[in-house]
Amino acid sequence: MQQPPQPTQENLVSIVSMTLSELRAERQQLVTLPADAAREASCAPVAG
């Protein structure tokens, strides 16, 4: 397997973000929570 020069952490972050987005979509259908604010706060430093 060829690994890109970029750190694998970005790949993990992208996968986790996709999974969280799917789970969040299901949860939003049940109850809306302030997860967007927490997500932005946690993603801001990562996206930098």
PDB file of N, CA and C in Angstrom:
ATOM      1  N   MET A   1       0.850  -1.208   0.000  1.00  0.00           N
ATOM      2  CA  MET A   1       0.000   0.000   0.000  1.00  0.00           C
ATOM      3  C   MET A   1       0.878   1.247   0.000  1.00  0.00           C
ATOM      4  N   GLN A   2       0.547   2.197  -0.851  1.00  0.00           N
ATOM      5  CA  GLN A   2       1.327   3.435  -0.907  1.00  0.00           C
ATOM      6  C   GLN A   2       0.731   4.460   0.041  1.00  0.00           C
ATOM      7  N   GLN A   3       1.552   4.943   0.960  1.00  0.00           N
ATOM      8  CA  GLN A   3       1.054   5.950   1.900  1.00  0.00           C
ATOM      9  C   GLN A   3       1.406   7.345   1.389  1.00  0.00           C
ATOM     10  N   PRO A   4       0.452   8.268   1.390  1.00  0.00           N
ATOM     11  CA  PRO A   4       0.708   9.642   0.925  1.00  0.00           C
ATOM     12  C   PRO A   4       1.675  10.338   1.865  1.00  0.00           C
ATOM     13  N   PRO A   5       2.386  11.365   1.376  1.00  0.00           N
ATOM     14  CA  PRO A   5       3.342  12.103   2.215  1.00  0.00           C
ATOM     15  C   PRO A   5       2.661  12.769   3.396  1.00  0.00           C
ATOM     16  N   GLN A   6       1.364  13.049   3.249  1.00  0.00           N
ATOM     17  CA  GLN A   6       0.645  13.699   4.346  1.00  0.00           C
ATOM     18  C   GLN A   6       0.499  12.731   5.511  1.00  0.00           C
ATOM     19  N   PRO A   7       0.409  13.231   6.728  1.00  0.00           N
ATOM     20  CA  PRO A   7       0.240  12.370   7.907  1.00  0.00           C
ATOM     21  C   PRO A   7      -1.056  11.583   7.818  1.00  0.00           C
ATOM     22  N   THR A   8      -1.015  10.345   8.311  1.00  0.00           N
ATOM     23  CA  THR A   8      -2.213   9.505   8.250  1.00  0.00           C
ATOM     24  C   THR A   8      -3.290  10.056   9.172  1.00  0.00           C
ATOM     25  N   GLN A   9      -2.914  10.954  10.073  1.00  0.00           N
ATOM     26  CA  GLN A   9      -3.905  11.511  11.009  1.00  0.00           C
ATOM     27  C   GLN A   9      -5.028  12.188  10.226  1.00  0.00           C
ATOM     28  N   GLU A  10      -4.696  12.848   9.120  1.00  0.00           N
ATOM     29  CA  GLU A  10      -5.738  13.515   8.329  1.00  0.00           C
ATOM     30  C   GLU A  10      -6.729  12.482   7.804  1.00  0.00           C
ATOM     31  N   ASN A  11      -6.220  11.331   7.363  1.00  0.00           N
ATOM     32  CA  ASN A  11      -7.122  10.283   6.864  1.00  0.00           C
ATOM     33  C   ASN A  11      -8.049   9.834   7.983  1.00  0.00           C
ATOM     34  N   LEU A  12      -7.490   9.616   9.169  1.00  0.00           N
ATOM     35  CA  LEU A  12      -8.318   9.181  10.297  1.00  0.00           C
ATOM     36  C   LEU A  12      -9.358  10.247  10.600  1.00  0.00           C
ATOM     37  N   VAL A  13      -8.954  11.506  10.592  1.00  0.00           N
ATOM     38  CA  VAL A  13      -9.892  12.592  10.906  1.00  0.00           C
ATOM     39  C   VAL A  13     -11.029  12.603   9.887  1.00  0.00           C
ATOM     40  N   SER A  14     -10.689  12.416   8.627  1.00  0.00           N
ATOM     41  CA  SER A  14     -11.737  12.429   7.589  1.00  0.00           C
ATOM     42  C   SER A  14     -12.702  11.270   7.795  1.00  0.00           C
ATOM     43  N   ILE A  15     -12.155  10.090   8.087  1.00  0.00           N
ATOM     44  CA  ILE A  15     -13.024   8.916   8.308  1.00  0.00           C
ATOM     45  C   ILE A  15     -13.906   9.144   9.521  1.00  0.00           C
ATOM     46  N   VAL A  16     -13.297   9.626  10.607  1.00  0.00           N
ATOM     47  CA  VAL A  16     -14.072   9.852  11.839  1.00  0.00           C
ATOM     48  C   VAL A  16     -15.144  10.902  11.589  1.00  0.00           C
ATOM     49  N   SER A  17     -14.792  11.955  10.879  1.00  0.00           N
ATOM     50  CA  SER A  17     -15.772  13.024  10.615  1.00  0.00           C
ATOM     51  C   SER A  17     -16.948  12.469   9.815  1.00  0.00           C
ATOM     52  N   MET A  18     -16.655  11.615   8.826  1.00  0.00           N
ATOM     53  CA  MET A  18     -17.743  11.035   8.029  1.00  0.00           C
ATOM     54  C   MET A  18     -18.637  10.170   8.914  1.00  0.00           C
ATOM     55  N   THR A  19     -18.012   9.338   9.757  1.00  0.00           N
ATOM     56  CA  THR A  19     -18.801   8.467  10.641  1.00  0.00           C
ATOM     57  C   THR A  19     -19.634   9.309  11.597  1.00  0.00           C
ATOM     58  N   LEU A  20     -19.011  10.333  12.181  1.00  0.00           N
ATOM     59  CA  LEU A  20     -19.739  11.182  13.127  1.00  0.00           C
ATOM     60  C   LEU A  20     -20.888  11.882  12.412  1.00  0.00           C
ATOM     61  N   SER A  21     -20.662  12.319  11.194  1.00  0.00           N
ATOM     62  CA  SER A  21     -21.729  13.012  10.455  1.00  0.00           C
ATOM     63  C   SER A  21     -22.912  12.072  10.242  1.00  0.00           C
ATOM     64  N   GLU A  22     -22.630  10.811   9.920  1.00  0.00           N
ATOM     65  CA  GLU A  22     -23.728   9.854   9.720  1.00  0.00           C
ATOM     66  C   GLU A  22     -24.470   9.627  11.029  1.00  0.00           C
ATOM     67  N   LEU A  23     -23.721   9.402  12.112  1.00  0.00           N
ATOM     68  CA  LEU A  23     -24.370   9.175  13.408  1.00  0.00           C
ATOM     69  C   LEU A  23     -25.146  10.422  13.818  1.00  0.00           C
ATOM     70  N   ARG A  24     -24.555  11.602  13.582  1.00  0.00           N
ATOM     71  CA  ARG A  24     -25.218  12.844  13.977  1.00  0.00           C
ATOM     72  C   ARG A  24     -26.521  13.004  13.191  1.00  0.00           C
ATOM     73  N   ALA A  25     -26.507  12.651  11.922  1.00  0.00           N
ATOM     74  CA  ALA A  25     -27.726  12.770  11.112  1.00  0.00           C
ATOM     75  C   ALA A  25     -28.834  11.917  11.716  1.00  0.00           C
ATOM     76  N   GLU A  26     -28.492  10.697  12.128  1.00  0.00           N
ATOM     77  CA  GLU A  26     -29.513   9.824  12.718  1.00  0.00           C
ATOM     78  C   GLU A  26     -30.008  10.409  14.035  1.00  0.00           C
ATOM     79  N   ARG A  27     -29.085  10.948  14.835  1.00  0.00           N
ATOM     80  CA  ARG A  27     -29.487  11.496  16.137  1.00  0.00           C
ATOM     81  C   ARG A  27     -30.322  12.758  15.952  1.00  0.00           C
ATOM     82  N   GLN A  28     -29.971  13.577  14.967  1.00  0.00           N
ATOM     83  CA  GLN A  28     -30.733  14.814  14.749  1.00  0.00           C
ATOM     84  C   GLN A  28     -32.187  14.485  14.442  1.00  0.00           C
ATOM     85  N   GLN A  29     -32.422  13.381  13.758  1.00  0.00           N
ATOM     86  CA  GLN A  29     -33.809  13.003  13.454  1.00  0.00           C
ATOM     87  C   GLN A  29     -34.568  12.759  14.756  1.00  0.00           C
ATOM     88  N   LEU A  30     -33.875  12.200  15.766  1.00  0.00           N
ATOM     89  CA  LEU A  30     -34.539  11.926  17.049  1.00  0.00           C
ATOM     90  C   LEU A  30     -34.584  13.198  17.894  1.00  0.00           C
ATOM     91  N   VAL A  31     -33.413  13.744  18.198  1.00  0.00           N
ATOM     92  CA  VAL A  31     -33.350  14.948  19.037  1.00  0.00           C
ATOM     93  C   VAL A  31     -32.200  15.822  18.551  1.00  0.00           C
ATOM     94  N   THR A  32     -32.444  17.114  18.444  1.00  0.00           N
ATOM     95  CA  THR A  32     -31.390  18.025  17.996  1.00  0.00           C
ATOM     96  C   THR A  32     -30.534  18.431  19.188  1.00  0.00           C
ATOM     97  N   LEU A  33     -29.233  18.225  19.065  1.00  0.00           N
ATOM     98  CA  LEU A  33     -28.322  18.571  20.163  1.00  0.00           C
ATOM     99  C   LEU A  33     -27.300  19.592  19.666  1.00  0.00           C
ATOM    100  N   PRO A  34     -26.715  20.369  20.578  1.00  0.00           N
ATOM    101  CA  PRO A  34     -25.689  21.369  20.203  1.00  0.00           C
ATOM    102  C   PRO A  34     -24.386  20.696  19.812  1.00  0.00           C
ATOM    103  N   ALA A  35     -24.459  19.671  18.980  1.00  0.00           N
ATOM    104  CA  ALA A  35     -23.247  18.955  18.571  1.00  0.00           C
ATOM    105  C   ALA A  35     -22.477  19.765  17.528  1.00  0.00           C
ATOM    106  N   ASP A  36     -23.195  20.586  16.754  1.00  0.00           N
ATOM    107  CA  ASP A  36     -22.522  21.389  15.725  1.00  0.00           C
ATOM    108  C   ASP A  36     -21.492  22.316  16.362  1.00  0.00           C
ATOM    109  N   ALA A  37     -21.853  22.958  17.462  1.00  0.00           N
ATOM    110  CA  ALA A  37     -20.929  23.882  18.124  1.00  0.00           C
ATOM    111  C   ALA A  37     -19.698  23.119  18.594  1.00  0.00           C
ATOM    112  N   ALA A  38     -19.906  21.982  19.242  1.00  0.00           N
ATOM    113  CA  ALA A  38     -18.773  21.192  19.740  1.00  0.00           C
ATOM    114  C   ALA A  38     -17.937  20.704  18.560  1.00  0.00           C
ATOM    115  N   ARG A  39     -18.606  20.331  17.482  1.00  0.00           N
ATOM    116  CA  ARG A  39     -17.884  19.838  16.311  1.00  0.00           C
ATOM    117  C   ARG A  39     -16.999  20.948  15.732  1.00  0.00           C
ATOM    118  N   GLU A  40     -17.557  22.141  15.566  1.00  0.00           N
ATOM    119  CA  GLU A  40     -16.767  23.244  15.022  1.00  0.00           C
ATOM    120  C   GLU A  40     -15.585  23.547  15.936  1.00  0.00           C
ATOM    121  N   ALA A  41     -15.826  23.557  17.249  1.00  0.00           N
ATOM    122  CA  ALA A  41     -14.756  23.875  18.199  1.00  0.00           C
ATOM    123  C   ALA A  41     -13.654  22.826  18.112  1.00  0.00           C
ATOM    124  N   SER A  42     -14.027  21.559  17.917  1.00  0.00           N
ATOM    125  CA  SER A  42     -13.025  20.494  17.884  1.00  0.00           C
ATOM    126  C   SER A  42     -12.369  20.417  16.504  1.00  0.00           C
ATOM    127  N   CYS A  43     -13.092  20.780  15.456  1.00  0.00           N
ATOM    128  CA  CYS A  43     -12.545  20.688  14.101  1.00  0.00           C
ATOM    129  C   CYS A  43     -11.721  21.925  13.742  1.00  0.00           C
ATOM    130  N   ALA A  44     -12.010  23.046  14.378  1.00  0.00           N
ATOM    131  CA  ALA A  44     -11.302  24.283  14.045  1.00  0.00           C
ATOM    132  C   ALA A  44      -9.783  24.098  14.163  1.00  0.00           C
ATOM    133  N   PRO A  45      -9.280  23.648  15.317  1.00  0.00           N
ATOM    134  CA  PRO A  45      -7.826  23.495  15.465  1.00  0.00           C
ATOM    135  C   PRO A  45      -7.283  22.409  14.543  1.00  0.00           C
ATOM    136  N   VAL A  46      -8.065  21.376  14.264  1.00  0.00           N
ATOM    137  CA  VAL A  46      -7.593  20.288  13.407  1.00  0.00           C
ATOM    138  C   VAL A  46      -7.448  20.792  11.978  1.00  0.00           C
ATOM    139  N   ALA A  47      -8.479  21.488  11.485  1.00  0.00           N
ATOM    140  CA  ALA A  47      -8.421  22.005  10.121  1.00  0.00           C
ATOM    141  C   ALA A  47      -7.371  23.106  10.034  1.00  0.00           C
ATOM    142  N   GLY A  48      -7.224  23.867  11.141  1.00  0.00           N
ATOM    143  CA  GLY A  48      -6.198  24.893  11.237  1.00  0.00           C
ATOM    144  C   GLY A  48      -6.102  25.693   9.971  1.00  0.00           C
TER     145      GLY A  48
END
